[in-house]
């Protein structure tokens, strides 16, 4: 297999390898910012779905069901094409900025809100997996409901859900590829561009596969390290 194509000049003046790495930069930036949104919003949603307030539980459930049951590519199109047309302030902002920034912000918001619904499920499951006595113990020592979540329930719940959060992190990185549908020049977009320009699809998608697998493995090992560092020796969760 001829790999010299990666050092040849691309249609943008740099090498094809550099073009793929530029796409990787957009992929990682999108995934990182979307992960921040997903973690914090998903945590809030997960918490309110375990409170004793029915209206909050229904609100959290509605959010999760809405975002989990609409295909991701449809959500991309809604945020990119529909929302600016419905909200004049957003339309004025979109018109005033570089199209690449519009694509990037759309991808971050869309992936963040979509993944938040999945993180909310993990957080809810983690809290409900804890023994009920932990919540009661927090109230017994005088903690408020918020303080009980902050100091008692969430620190343990996060430890429990690190493995599924690892899967969500890897899925988020892979889901950035859907951003090509709105024109964001992330890794998959650049890979298709290289293949369609050079007709060397095997080399282009082979390189993309190696890059995606490498990122996923790094994310997996980082999360495994975090899980090991924060593990509570001898603890086994159980909702009793």
Protein backbone atom coordinates (compact mmCIF):
# COMPACT_ATOMS: atom_id res chain seq x y z
CA UNK A 1 0.00 0.00 0.00
CA UNK A 2 1.43 3.37 -1.07
CA UNK A 3 1.51 5.76 1.91
CA UNK A 4 3.38 8.53 0.12
CA UNK A 5 0.03 10.22 -0.54
CA UNK A 6 0.04 11.56 3.02
CA UNK A 7 3.16 13.66 2.34
CA UNK A 8 1.88 15.00 -0.98
CA UNK A 9 0.37 18.46 -1.29
CA UNK A 10 -3.37 18.65 -0.70
CA UNK A 11 -5.88 20.97 -2.36
CA UNK A 12 -5.30 23.45 0.49
CA UNK A 13 -1.55 23.73 0.02
CA UNK A 14 -0.46 21.62 2.99
CA UNK A 15 -0.03 17.83 3.04
CA UNK A 16 -2.91 15.38 3.20
CA UNK A 17 -1.67 14.22 6.59
CA UNK A 18 -1.76 17.78 7.91
CA UNK A 19 -5.26 18.17 6.52
CA UNK A 20 -6.40 15.09 8.41
CA UNK A 21 -4.74 16.34 11.59
CA UNK A 22 -6.51 19.69 11.19
CA UNK A 23 -9.77 17.76 11.01
CA UNK A 24 -8.76 15.85 14.11
CA UNK A 25 -8.29 19.17 15.91
CA UNK A 26 -11.90 20.14 15.19
CA UNK A 27 -13.06 16.68 16.26
CA UNK A 28 -11.28 16.88 19.62
CA UNK A 29 -12.35 20.47 20.29
CA UNK A 30 -15.98 19.63 19.51
CA UNK A 31 -15.92 16.50 21.67
CA UNK A 32 -14.23 18.25 24.60
CA UNK A 33 -16.64 21.19 24.78
CA UNK A 34 -19.67 18.98 24.18
CA UNK A 35 -18.48 16.67 26.97
CA UNK A 36 -18.40 19.60 29.41
CA UNK A 37 -21.97 20.58 28.52
CA UNK A 38 -23.12 16.96 28.68
CA UNK A 39 -21.53 16.28 32.06
CA UNK A 40 -22.90 19.31 33.89
CA UNK A 41 -26.34 19.35 32.27
CA UNK A 42 -26.61 15.57 32.49
CA UNK A 43 -25.71 15.70 36.19
CA UNK A 44 -28.45 18.27 36.87
CA UNK A 45 -31.00 16.24 34.94
CA UNK A 46 -29.94 13.02 36.63
CA UNK A 47 -30.31 14.60 40.05
CA UNK A 48 -33.74 16.13 39.48
CA UNK A 49 -35.01 12.78 38.21
CA UNK A 50 -34.26 11.28 41.64
CA UNK A 51 -35.85 14.01 43.75
CA UNK A 52 -39.21 13.78 45.50
CA UNK A 53 -40.72 16.55 43.35
CA UNK A 54 -42.93 14.97 40.65
CA UNK A 55 -42.86 17.99 38.34
CA UNK A 56 -39.06 17.99 38.30
CA UNK A 57 -38.99 14.26 37.62
CA UNK A 58 -41.43 14.68 34.74
CA UNK A 59 -39.40 17.57 33.34
CA UNK A 60 -36.19 15.53 33.44
CA UNK A 61 -37.90 12.50 31.93
CA UNK A 62 -39.35 14.60 29.11
CA UNK A 63 -35.91 15.99 28.24
CA UNK A 64 -34.30 12.55 28.21
CA UNK A 65 -37.05 10.96 26.11
CA UNK A 66 -37.05 13.85 23.63
CA UNK A 67 -33.32 13.88 22.94
CA UNK A 68 -32.83 10.12 23.05
CA UNK A 69 -35.62 9.37 20.56
CA UNK A 70 -34.78 11.86 17.81
CA UNK A 71 -32.01 10.73 15.43
CA UNK A 72 -28.81 12.69 15.98
CA UNK A 73 -28.55 13.81 12.36
CA UNK A 74 -32.08 15.26 12.56
CA UNK A 75 -31.06 17.20 15.67
CA UNK A 76 -28.08 18.60 13.78
CA UNK A 77 -30.33 19.84 10.98
CA UNK A 78 -32.82 21.34 13.45
CA UNK A 79 -30.13 23.30 15.30
CA UNK A 80 -28.34 24.37 12.12
CA UNK A 81 -31.24 25.19 9.77
CA UNK A 82 -34.41 25.55 11.84
CA UNK A 83 -33.41 27.30 15.08
CA UNK A 84 -31.85 30.37 13.38
CA UNK A 85 -35.06 30.81 11.38
CA UNK A 86 -37.23 30.65 14.50
CA UNK A 87 -35.17 32.93 16.76
CA UNK A 88 -34.29 36.33 15.21
CA UNK A 89 -31.44 36.96 17.67
CA UNK A 90 -29.79 33.67 16.71
CA UNK A 91 -30.25 34.45 13.01
CA UNK A 92 -28.56 37.84 13.41
CA UNK A 93 -25.67 36.17 15.23
CA UNK A 94 -25.31 33.50 12.55
CA UNK A 95 -25.23 36.08 9.76
CA UNK A 96 -22.54 38.09 11.55
CA UNK A 97 -20.01 35.30 12.11
CA UNK A 98 -17.82 33.05 10.03
CA UNK A 99 -19.75 29.98 8.76
CA UNK A 100 -17.12 27.69 10.30
CA UNK A 101 -17.81 29.14 13.75
CA UNK A 102 -21.54 28.63 13.21
CA UNK A 103 -20.93 25.00 12.30
CA UNK A 104 -18.64 24.49 15.27
CA UNK A 105 -21.00 26.05 17.83
CA UNK A 106 -23.93 24.10 16.39
CA UNK A 107 -22.01 20.83 16.65
CA UNK A 108 -20.94 21.53 20.24
CA UNK A 109 -24.45 22.50 21.38
CA UNK A 110 -26.17 19.65 19.53
CA UNK A 111 -23.77 16.95 20.74
CA UNK A 112 -23.70 18.41 24.27
CA UNK A 113 -27.49 18.41 24.64
CA UNK A 114 -27.85 15.00 23.01
CA UNK A 115 -25.19 13.38 25.18
CA UNK A 116 -26.55 15.11 28.31
CA UNK A 117 -29.68 12.98 28.00
CA UNK A 118 -27.55 9.85 28.07
CA UNK A 119 -25.39 11.09 30.95
CA UNK A 120 -28.58 11.91 32.87
CA UNK A 121 -29.56 8.25 32.64
CA UNK A 122 -26.18 7.19 34.00
CA UNK A 123 -26.31 9.67 36.89
CA UNK A 124 -29.87 8.66 37.77
CA UNK A 125 -28.91 4.99 37.74
CA UNK A 126 -25.82 5.67 39.85
CA UNK A 127 -27.81 7.52 42.52
CA UNK A 128 -30.54 4.89 42.62
CA UNK A 129 -27.93 2.13 42.90
CA UNK A 130 -26.77 3.52 46.24
CA UNK A 131 -28.17 2.07 49.46
CA UNK A 132 -31.17 4.13 50.60
CA UNK A 133 -29.59 4.51 54.00
CA UNK A 134 -27.01 6.94 52.57
CA UNK A 135 -29.69 9.53 51.78
CA UNK A 136 -31.28 9.00 55.18
CA UNK A 137 -27.91 9.35 56.89
CA UNK A 138 -27.35 12.69 55.18
CA UNK A 139 -30.68 14.00 56.41
CA UNK A 140 -30.06 12.56 59.88
CA UNK A 141 -26.89 14.61 60.39
CA UNK A 142 -28.69 17.80 59.40
CA UNK A 143 -27.77 18.16 55.74
CA UNK A 144 -30.24 19.75 53.36
CA UNK A 145 -31.37 17.89 50.26
CA UNK A 146 -28.85 19.78 48.11
CA UNK A 147 -26.05 19.15 50.59
CA UNK A 148 -26.96 15.46 50.76
CA UNK A 149 -26.57 15.20 47.00
CA UNK A 150 -23.40 17.31 47.00
CA UNK A 151 -21.52 15.61 49.84
CA UNK A 152 -23.05 12.13 50.13
CA UNK A 153 -24.81 10.81 47.03
CA UNK A 154 -23.04 12.29 44.01
CA UNK A 155 -19.44 11.51 45.09
CA UNK A 156 -20.36 7.82 45.35
CA UNK A 157 -22.64 7.80 42.31
CA UNK A 158 -19.92 9.22 40.06
CA UNK A 159 -17.57 6.45 41.14
CA UNK A 160 -20.17 3.85 40.21
CA UNK A 161 -20.89 5.25 36.75
CA UNK A 162 -17.33 5.75 35.52
CA UNK A 163 -17.48 2.61 33.28
CA UNK A 164 -20.68 3.68 31.46
CA UNK A 165 -19.37 7.25 31.29
CA UNK A 166 -16.30 5.82 29.55
CA UNK A 167 -18.56 4.34 26.88
CA UNK A 168 -20.41 7.65 26.54
CA UNK A 169 -17.11 9.49 26.11
CA UNK A 170 -16.06 7.14 23.33
CA UNK A 171 -19.50 7.42 21.70
CA UNK A 172 -19.29 11.20 21.85
CA UNK A 173 -15.97 11.20 20.02
CA UNK A 174 -17.41 8.96 17.32
CA UNK A 175 -20.63 11.00 17.07
CA UNK A 176 -18.62 14.08 16.08
CA UNK A 177 -18.45 12.47 12.63
CA UNK A 178 -22.12 13.36 12.13
CA UNK A 179 -21.09 17.03 12.14
CA UNK A 180 -19.90 16.56 8.55
CA UNK A 181 -23.59 16.79 7.61
CA UNK A 182 -23.59 20.53 8.40
CA UNK A 183 -20.18 21.15 6.83
CA UNK A 184 -17.88 21.15 9.87
CA UNK A 185 -14.42 20.19 8.61
CA UNK A 186 -13.79 17.58 11.29
CA UNK A 187 -11.90 14.32 10.76
CA UNK A 188 -14.60 12.43 8.86
CA UNK A 189 -15.25 15.43 6.60
CA UNK A 190 -11.55 15.68 5.76
CA UNK A 191 -11.34 11.93 5.20
CA UNK A 192 -14.18 12.00 2.67
CA UNK A 193 -12.57 15.03 1.04
CA UNK A 194 -9.26 13.23 0.69
CA UNK A 195 -10.89 10.11 -0.70
CA UNK A 196 -13.03 11.97 -3.22
CA UNK A 197 -10.08 14.09 -4.40
CA UNK A 198 -7.39 11.41 -4.68
CA UNK A 199 -9.62 8.33 -5.14
CA UNK A 200 -7.38 6.60 -2.61
CA UNK A 201 -10.25 5.67 -0.33
CA UNK A 202 -8.42 2.80 1.32
CA UNK A 203 -5.57 5.00 2.50
CA UNK A 204 -7.89 7.84 3.55
CA UNK A 205 -10.34 5.76 5.55
CA UNK A 206 -7.60 3.47 6.80
CA UNK A 207 -5.83 6.45 8.33
CA UNK A 208 -9.10 7.74 9.80
CA UNK A 209 -9.79 4.34 11.33
CA UNK A 210 -6.37 4.27 12.99
CA UNK A 211 -6.90 7.78 14.35
CA UNK A 212 -10.38 7.06 15.72
CA UNK A 213 -9.23 3.80 17.33
CA UNK A 214 -6.23 5.55 18.89
CA UNK A 215 -8.40 8.31 20.36
CA UNK A 216 -10.89 5.79 21.73
CA UNK A 217 -8.12 3.72 23.33
CA UNK A 218 -6.58 6.80 24.94
CA UNK A 219 -9.97 7.88 26.30
CA UNK A 220 -10.56 4.38 27.61
CA UNK A 221 -7.20 4.22 29.39
CA UNK A 222 -7.61 7.69 30.89
CA UNK A 223 -11.03 6.81 32.29
CA UNK A 224 -9.71 3.48 33.58
CA UNK A 225 -6.95 5.36 35.41
CA UNK A 226 -9.51 7.75 36.91
CA UNK A 227 -11.70 4.83 37.97
CA UNK A 228 -8.78 3.16 39.71
CA UNK A 229 -7.74 6.36 41.48
CA UNK A 230 -11.19 7.18 42.88
CA UNK A 231 -12.35 3.64 43.65
CA UNK A 232 -13.60 2.97 47.18
CA UNK A 233 -11.94 -0.26 48.34
CA UNK A 234 -14.46 -2.99 49.09
CA UNK A 235 -17.50 -0.93 48.13
CA UNK A 236 -20.31 -2.68 46.26
CA UNK A 237 -23.32 -0.59 45.29
CA UNK A 238 -26.80 -1.86 45.93
CA UNK A 239 -30.21 -0.23 46.00
CA UNK A 240 -31.40 -1.66 49.31
